[in-house]
Amino acid sequence: MSSHLIFTFSLLLRMAVAAAFVVSASVIAERTGPVIGALVATLPISAGPSYVFLALDHDSAFIAQGALASLPVNAATISLGLTYVLLAQRHGLLFSAGSALAVWFALAALLRSLDLSLVGGLIANAVAFAICVPLMQRYAHVKMPLITRRWYDIPFRASLVAVLVATVVTLSGWAGPAITGTLALFPVVFTSLMLILHPRIGGKPTAAVIANSGWGLIGFCLAIAVLHVAVLRFGSAIGLSLALATGIAWNLALWRRGRRKVAVKR
């Protein structure tokens, strides 16, 4: 088998695995309401597979640099969330999601140009969260309407993720770790939730899912920081495992905290 066929087969397999992972997680998000849905959406279910596949092709130093580039991009993602949440209260999908994505691209490009260190990336996230999370909370409590699935939902979401993975893996060979790290954090889960949910259940319930994601994205930020530090010390396999464990542990802690609040109210 030629090297071209091997690469093509490997790329298709990676696209399929990542798409199946993200689609499964997004279905869970739809069926469990905005709070649990946000916790699932902020797990590394799109960036995670991208980094796993990158680790198969690149060394630990490349992954560490990619994670360092990804860290400030997370601040752009929470800004995207706030933009959509505010606009979706009164505007349609095209304007709300389009404006949110424009904000993400602008901030991601700006932050990447600053070439921030680990501390700088953490500070950028801290400032973004301090501004965005409180503003989003007032829109976080909306009842999720009953969702009727359409035939194109799953293929559409799978296509979004597959295209992202294909882009990241293909471009990483020549783009370098900085651009690869930025691409790996493209908010494909948030984008797919906006595009799928907004037309069916309206802007406010969809915005509630995004609004509840603020605290979860803090854990995602910590996971990226752990990835950057751990891959250099322990290698890619252990570093990726520790990063995943960090994200899961953070969201489980948020879930338990939410359960306790509900129990106290009762």
Protein backbone atom coordinates (compact mmCIF):
# COMPACT_ATOMS: atom_id res chain seq x y z
CA MET A 1 0.00 0.00 0.00
CA SER A 2 1.39 3.40 -0.97
CA SER A 3 2.15 6.09 1.59
CA HIS A 4 -0.62 8.24 0.07
CA LEU A 5 -3.23 5.53 0.63
CA ILE A 6 -2.00 4.94 4.16
CA PHE A 7 -2.30 8.66 4.95
CA THR A 8 -5.78 8.85 3.39
CA PHE A 9 -7.04 5.81 5.30
CA SER A 10 -5.54 7.08 8.55
CA LEU A 11 -7.09 10.51 8.06
CA LEU A 12 -10.55 9.08 7.32
CA LEU A 13 -10.33 6.86 10.40
CA ARG A 14 -9.39 9.82 12.57
CA MET A 15 -12.23 11.90 11.17
CA ALA A 16 -14.74 9.11 11.83
CA VAL A 17 -13.59 8.46 15.40
CA ALA A 18 -13.60 12.13 16.37
CA ALA A 19 -17.00 12.74 14.72
CA ALA A 20 -18.58 9.78 16.54
CA PHE A 21 -17.20 11.06 19.84
CA VAL A 22 -18.50 14.60 19.46
CA VAL A 23 -21.90 13.62 18.04
CA SER A 24 -22.50 11.25 20.96
CA ALA A 25 -21.62 13.97 23.45
CA SER A 26 -23.83 16.58 21.75
CA VAL A 27 -26.83 14.22 21.78
CA ILE A 28 -26.34 13.77 25.53
CA ALA A 29 -26.23 17.55 25.89
CA GLU A 30 -29.57 17.95 24.12
CA ARG A 31 -31.35 15.37 26.24
CA THR A 32 -30.15 16.44 29.67
CA GLY A 33 -30.88 20.17 29.67
CA PRO A 34 -28.70 23.29 29.68
CA VAL A 35 -26.69 22.60 32.85
CA ILE A 36 -25.57 19.04 32.14
CA GLY A 37 -25.44 19.86 28.45
CA ALA A 38 -22.97 22.66 29.13
CA LEU A 39 -20.79 20.39 31.27
CA VAL A 40 -20.65 17.84 28.47
CA ALA A 41 -20.02 20.50 25.84
CA THR A 42 -17.02 21.88 27.76
CA LEU A 43 -15.26 18.53 27.99
CA PRO A 44 -12.38 18.20 25.48
CA ILE A 45 -14.58 16.28 23.03
CA SER A 46 -13.33 18.06 19.91
CA ALA A 47 -9.90 19.39 20.90
CA GLY A 48 -9.11 16.13 22.70
CA PRO A 49 -9.27 13.84 19.65
CA SER A 50 -7.40 16.45 17.60
CA TYR A 51 -4.54 16.46 20.07
CA VAL A 52 -4.50 12.68 20.36
CA PHE A 53 -4.11 12.35 16.61
CA LEU A 54 -1.49 15.10 16.55
CA ALA A 55 0.47 13.21 19.19
CA LEU A 56 0.65 10.24 16.83
CA ASP A 57 2.45 12.38 14.26
CA HIS A 58 4.50 14.82 16.34
CA ASP A 59 6.79 14.84 19.36
CA SER A 60 6.10 16.13 22.86
CA ALA A 61 7.65 19.52 22.15
CA PHE A 62 5.20 20.12 19.28
CA ILE A 63 2.23 19.19 21.49
CA ALA A 64 3.47 21.41 24.30
CA GLN A 65 3.83 24.40 21.98
CA GLY A 66 0.42 23.69 20.47
CA ALA A 67 -1.15 23.64 23.94
CA LEU A 68 0.56 26.93 24.79
CA ALA A 69 -0.95 28.46 21.66
CA SER A 70 -4.35 26.95 22.50
CA LEU A 71 -4.46 28.40 26.01
CA PRO A 72 -5.25 32.05 25.18
CA VAL A 73 -7.64 30.91 22.44
CA ASN A 74 -9.85 29.55 25.22
CA ALA A 75 -10.37 33.16 26.29
CA ALA A 76 -11.68 33.85 22.78
CA THR A 77 -14.12 30.96 23.16
CA ILE A 78 -15.73 32.32 26.34
CA SER A 79 -16.00 35.69 24.56
CA LEU A 80 -17.74 33.94 21.67
CA GLY A 81 -20.14 32.44 24.20
CA LEU A 82 -20.99 35.80 25.75
CA THR A 83 -21.51 37.41 22.35
CA TYR A 84 -23.92 34.70 21.26
CA VAL A 85 -25.79 34.63 24.58
CA LEU A 86 -26.44 38.38 24.47
CA LEU A 87 -27.43 38.53 20.81
CA ALA A 88 -29.55 35.37 20.79
CA GLN A 89 -32.02 36.92 23.22
CA ARG A 90 -33.42 39.10 20.43
CA HIS A 91 -31.79 38.12 17.14
CA GLY A 92 -31.82 35.17 14.78
CA LEU A 93 -29.28 32.46 14.25
CA LEU A 94 -27.37 34.02 11.36
CA PHE A 95 -26.66 37.31 13.10
CA SER A 96 -26.06 35.83 16.56
CA ALA A 97 -23.80 32.95 15.57
CA GLY A 98 -22.10 34.93 12.80
CA SER A 99 -21.22 37.78 15.14
CA ALA A 100 -20.01 35.33 17.80
CA LEU A 101 -17.72 33.58 15.32
CA ALA A 102 -16.40 36.93 14.08
CA VAL A 103 -15.49 37.82 17.67
CA TRP A 104 -13.75 34.46 18.10
CA PHE A 105 -11.65 34.80 14.96
CA ALA A 106 -10.67 38.39 15.79
CA LEU A 107 -9.68 37.63 19.38
CA ALA A 108 -7.96 34.35 18.49
CA ALA A 109 -5.84 36.15 15.89
CA LEU A 110 -5.04 38.98 18.30
CA LEU A 111 -4.10 36.70 21.20
CA ARG A 112 -2.01 34.45 18.99
CA SER A 113 -0.07 37.46 17.70
CA LEU A 114 0.90 38.36 21.27
CA ASP A 115 2.86 35.10 21.67
CA LEU A 116 1.86 34.76 25.32
CA SER A 117 3.68 32.63 27.87
CA LEU A 118 1.92 30.10 30.11
CA VAL A 119 1.37 32.76 32.76
CA GLY A 120 0.21 35.26 30.15
CA GLY A 121 -2.28 32.77 28.74
CA LEU A 122 -3.66 32.06 32.20
CA ILE A 123 -4.00 35.79 32.88
CA ALA A 124 -5.84 36.30 29.58
CA ASN A 125 -8.27 33.55 30.55
CA ALA A 126 -8.73 34.95 34.06
CA VAL A 127 -9.62 38.39 32.70
CA ALA A 128 -12.02 36.93 30.11
CA PHE A 129 -13.78 34.73 32.64
CA ALA A 130 -14.05 37.53 35.20
CA ILE A 131 -15.89 39.62 32.61
CA CYS A 132 -17.92 37.02 30.73
CA VAL A 133 -19.09 34.49 33.33
CA PRO A 134 -21.05 36.93 35.56
CA LEU A 135 -22.68 38.52 32.50
CA MET A 136 -23.76 35.12 31.16
CA GLN A 137 -25.27 33.81 34.40
CA ARG A 138 -28.48 35.84 34.19
CA TYR A 139 -29.34 33.97 30.95
CA ALA A 140 -28.45 30.50 32.22
CA HIS A 141 -31.79 29.42 33.68
CA VAL A 142 -34.20 28.55 30.86
CA LYS A 143 -36.23 25.38 30.55
CA MET A 144 -35.14 23.22 27.62
CA PRO A 145 -38.08 22.55 25.24
CA LEU A 146 -38.74 19.11 23.83
CA ILE A 147 -36.42 18.54 20.87
CA THR A 148 -37.55 16.76 17.72
CA ARG A 149 -34.57 15.32 15.91
CA ARG A 150 -34.27 15.88 12.16
CA TRP A 151 -32.67 13.50 9.72
CA TYR A 152 -29.71 15.75 8.95
CA ASP A 153 -28.73 16.58 12.55
CA ILE A 154 -26.23 13.81 13.13
CA PRO A 155 -24.64 13.94 9.64
CA PHE A 156 -24.31 17.72 9.96
CA ARG A 157 -22.58 17.56 13.33
CA ALA A 158 -20.39 14.69 12.22
CA SER A 159 -19.35 16.68 9.15
CA LEU A 160 -18.36 19.71 11.23
CA VAL A 161 -16.09 17.66 13.47
CA ALA A 162 -14.66 15.60 10.62
CA VAL A 163 -13.72 18.74 8.68
CA LEU A 164 -12.05 20.21 11.78
CA VAL A 165 -9.98 17.10 12.43
CA ALA A 166 -9.00 16.82 8.77
CA THR A 167 -7.95 20.48 8.72
CA VAL A 168 -5.91 20.26 11.91
CA VAL A 169 -4.14 17.03 10.97
CA THR A 170 -3.44 18.12 7.39
CA LEU A 171 -2.26 21.64 8.20
CA SER A 172 -0.14 20.60 11.18
CA GLY A 173 2.54 19.26 8.86
CA TRP A 174 3.43 22.72 7.59
CA ALA A 175 1.56 25.24 9.75
CA GLY A 176 3.57 24.69 12.92
CA PRO A 177 2.37 24.23 16.50
CA ALA A 178 1.03 27.78 17.00
CA ILE A 179 -1.52 27.70 14.16
CA THR A 180 -2.29 24.04 14.86
CA GLY A 181 -3.01 24.83 18.50
CA THR A 182 -5.37 27.60 17.45
CA LEU A 183 -7.21 25.36 14.97
CA ALA A 184 -7.52 22.59 17.54
CA LEU A 185 -9.55 24.90 19.79
CA PHE A 186 -12.00 26.06 17.13
CA PRO A 187 -15.36 25.92 19.02
CA VAL A 188 -16.91 23.21 16.87
CA VAL A 189 -19.16 21.92 19.68
CA PHE A 190 -20.56 25.36 20.51
CA THR A 191 -20.99 26.14 16.82
CA SER A 192 -22.84 22.90 16.14
CA LEU A 193 -25.11 23.44 19.15
CA MET A 194 -25.96 26.94 17.93
CA LEU A 195 -26.63 25.87 14.36
CA ILE A 196 -28.72 22.85 15.34
CA LEU A 197 -30.63 24.06 18.40
CA HIS A 198 -31.35 27.70 17.62
CA PRO A 199 -33.69 27.09 14.64
CA ARG A 200 -35.65 24.43 16.56
CA ILE A 201 -35.99 25.66 20.12
CA GLY A 202 -35.17 29.35 19.80
CA GLY A 203 -32.34 31.61 20.84
CA LYS A 204 -33.01 31.84 24.58
CA PRO A 205 -32.91 28.08 25.38
CA THR A 206 -29.88 27.63 23.14
CA ALA A 207 -28.21 30.59 24.81
CA ALA A 208 -28.89 28.95 28.20
CA VAL A 209 -26.74 25.97 27.21
CA ILE A 210 -23.90 28.28 26.17
CA ALA A 211 -24.37 30.48 29.26
CA ASN A 212 -23.94 27.49 31.56
CA SER A 213 -20.63 26.66 29.90
CA GLY A 214 -18.64 29.44 31.55
CA TRP A 215 -17.58 27.51 34.63
CA GLY A 216 -16.85 24.42 32.56
CA LEU A 217 -14.51 26.36 30.28
CA ILE A 218 -12.43 27.26 33.34
CA GLY A 219 -11.72 23.55 33.76
CA PHE A 220 -10.89 23.35 30.07
CA CYS A 221 -8.38 26.15 30.56
CA LEU A 222 -6.75 24.23 33.42
CA ALA A 223 -6.65 21.07 31.29
CA ILE A 224 -4.76 22.89 28.53
CA ALA A 225 -2.27 24.28 31.04
CA VAL A 226 -1.75 20.79 32.47
CA LEU A 227 -1.21 19.45 28.96
CA HIS A 228 1.47 22.04 28.21
CA VAL A 229 3.41 21.28 31.39
CA ALA A 230 2.88 17.52 31.56
CA VAL A 231 3.81 16.52 28.01
CA LEU A 232 7.28 17.99 28.41
CA ARG A 233 7.89 16.14 31.68
CA PHE A 234 6.12 12.85 31.14
CA GLY A 235 5.54 12.52 27.39
CA SER A 236 2.46 12.87 25.22
CA ALA A 237 0.52 9.83 26.44
CA ILE A 238 0.69 10.74 30.12
CA GLY A 239 0.29 14.44 29.42
CA LEU A 240 -2.89 13.90 27.41
CA SER A 241 -4.25 11.55 30.08
CA LEU A 242 -3.60 14.07 32.85
CA ALA A 243 -5.21 16.85 30.83
CA LEU A 244 -8.31 14.74 30.20
CA ALA A 245 -8.49 13.77 33.87
CA THR A 246 -8.27 17.44 34.85
CA GLY A 247 -11.20 18.40 32.62
CA ILE A 248 -13.35 15.50 33.77
CA ALA A 249 -12.55 16.06 37.46
CA TRP A 250 -13.41 19.76 37.21
CA ASN A 251 -16.76 19.14 35.54
CA LEU A 252 -17.63 16.34 37.97
CA ALA A 253 -16.93 18.76 40.82
CA LEU A 254 -19.25 21.31 39.19
CA TRP A 255 -21.93 18.64 38.79
CA ARG A 256 -21.68 17.61 42.45
CA ARG A 257 -21.83 21.24 43.52
CA GLY A 258 -24.98 21.73 41.46
CA ARG A 259 -26.58 18.61 42.97
CA ARG A 260 -25.88 19.88 46.46
CA LYS A 261 -27.49 23.23 45.68
CA VAL A 262 -30.61 21.47 44.42
CA ALA A 263 -30.72 19.28 47.53
CA VAL A 264 -30.43 22.31 49.82
CA LYS A 265 -33.30 24.10 48.02
CA ARG A 266 -35.53 21.07 48.50
